[in-house]
């Protein structure tokens, strides 16, 4: 599923983590920053907003902002 480059600290597999992120998104319809807080409180799981955004992008639920992707120099 989603490629994870970090070790597991919470004992939750990458697949379960990805399922939690998608479930939380479908329930609350917030972005990665707010989902980070919701997942930490409701599921007692610490997941960074960058990882949440990658999961959402993989499942087609997030979108990339082109203005943030271009080089400014």
Protein backbone atom coordinates (compact mmCIF):
# COMPACT_ATOMS: atom_id res chain seq x y z
CA UNK A 1 0.00 0.00 0.00
CA UNK A 2 1.69 3.17 1.26
CA UNK A 3 5.48 3.14 1.49
CA UNK A 4 6.58 3.93 5.02
CA UNK A 5 10.16 5.01 5.66
CA UNK A 6 10.05 4.95 9.42
CA UNK A 7 10.00 2.34 12.12
CA UNK A 8 6.88 1.43 14.00
CA UNK A 9 6.77 3.06 17.43
CA UNK A 10 3.15 2.43 18.29
CA UNK A 11 2.89 -1.21 17.25
CA UNK A 12 0.45 -0.36 14.45
CA UNK A 13 1.27 -1.58 10.95
CA UNK A 14 1.51 0.81 8.01
CA UNK A 15 -1.64 -0.71 6.48
CA UNK A 16 -3.66 -0.17 9.68
CA UNK A 17 -2.29 3.37 9.94
CA UNK A 18 -3.38 4.08 6.38
CA UNK A 19 -6.85 2.68 7.08
CA UNK A 20 -7.18 4.90 10.17
CA UNK A 21 -6.21 7.98 8.15
CA UNK A 22 -8.75 7.23 5.39
CA UNK A 23 -11.48 6.42 7.92
CA UNK A 24 -10.83 9.67 9.82
CA UNK A 25 -10.86 11.67 6.57
CA UNK A 26 -14.15 10.17 5.42
CA UNK A 27 -15.70 10.87 8.81
CA UNK A 28 -14.44 14.42 9.45
CA UNK A 29 -13.46 15.79 5.98
CA UNK A 30 -10.51 17.83 7.29
CA UNK A 31 -7.04 18.33 5.90
CA UNK A 32 -3.85 16.66 7.09
CA UNK A 33 -3.04 19.22 9.79
CA UNK A 34 -6.38 18.90 11.54
CA UNK A 35 -6.51 15.13 11.03
CA UNK A 36 -3.17 14.86 12.84
CA UNK A 37 -4.80 16.30 15.97
CA UNK A 38 -7.98 14.23 15.61
CA UNK A 39 -6.06 10.97 15.16
CA UNK A 40 -3.82 11.77 18.14
CA UNK A 41 -6.83 12.40 20.40
CA UNK A 42 -9.39 9.86 19.15
CA UNK A 43 -7.15 6.96 18.10
CA UNK A 44 -4.23 7.71 20.48
CA UNK A 45 -1.85 7.36 17.56
CA UNK A 46 0.87 9.82 16.61
CA UNK A 47 1.07 10.30 12.83
CA UNK A 48 2.71 13.32 11.20
CA UNK A 49 0.67 15.56 8.93
CA UNK A 50 3.13 14.87 6.10
CA UNK A 51 2.48 11.14 6.37
CA UNK A 52 -1.28 11.75 6.54
CA UNK A 53 -1.08 13.93 3.41
CA UNK A 54 0.88 11.20 1.57
CA UNK A 55 -1.78 8.62 2.53
CA UNK A 56 -4.57 10.91 1.33
CA UNK A 57 -2.75 11.55 -1.96
CA UNK A 58 -2.21 7.81 -2.48
CA UNK A 59 -5.92 7.09 -2.01
CA UNK A 60 -6.95 10.03 -4.21
CA UNK A 61 -8.48 12.00 -1.35
CA UNK A 62 -5.94 14.84 -1.17
CA UNK A 63 -4.69 17.28 -3.74
CA UNK A 64 -1.34 18.92 -4.40
CA UNK A 65 -1.23 22.69 -4.41
CA UNK A 66 0.72 23.76 -7.47
CA UNK A 67 1.65 27.14 -5.98
CA UNK A 68 3.58 25.36 -3.22
CA UNK A 69 5.43 23.04 -5.60
CA UNK A 70 7.27 25.52 -7.80
CA UNK A 71 10.77 26.71 -7.01
CA UNK A 72 10.82 30.32 -5.88
CA UNK A 73 14.34 31.28 -6.82
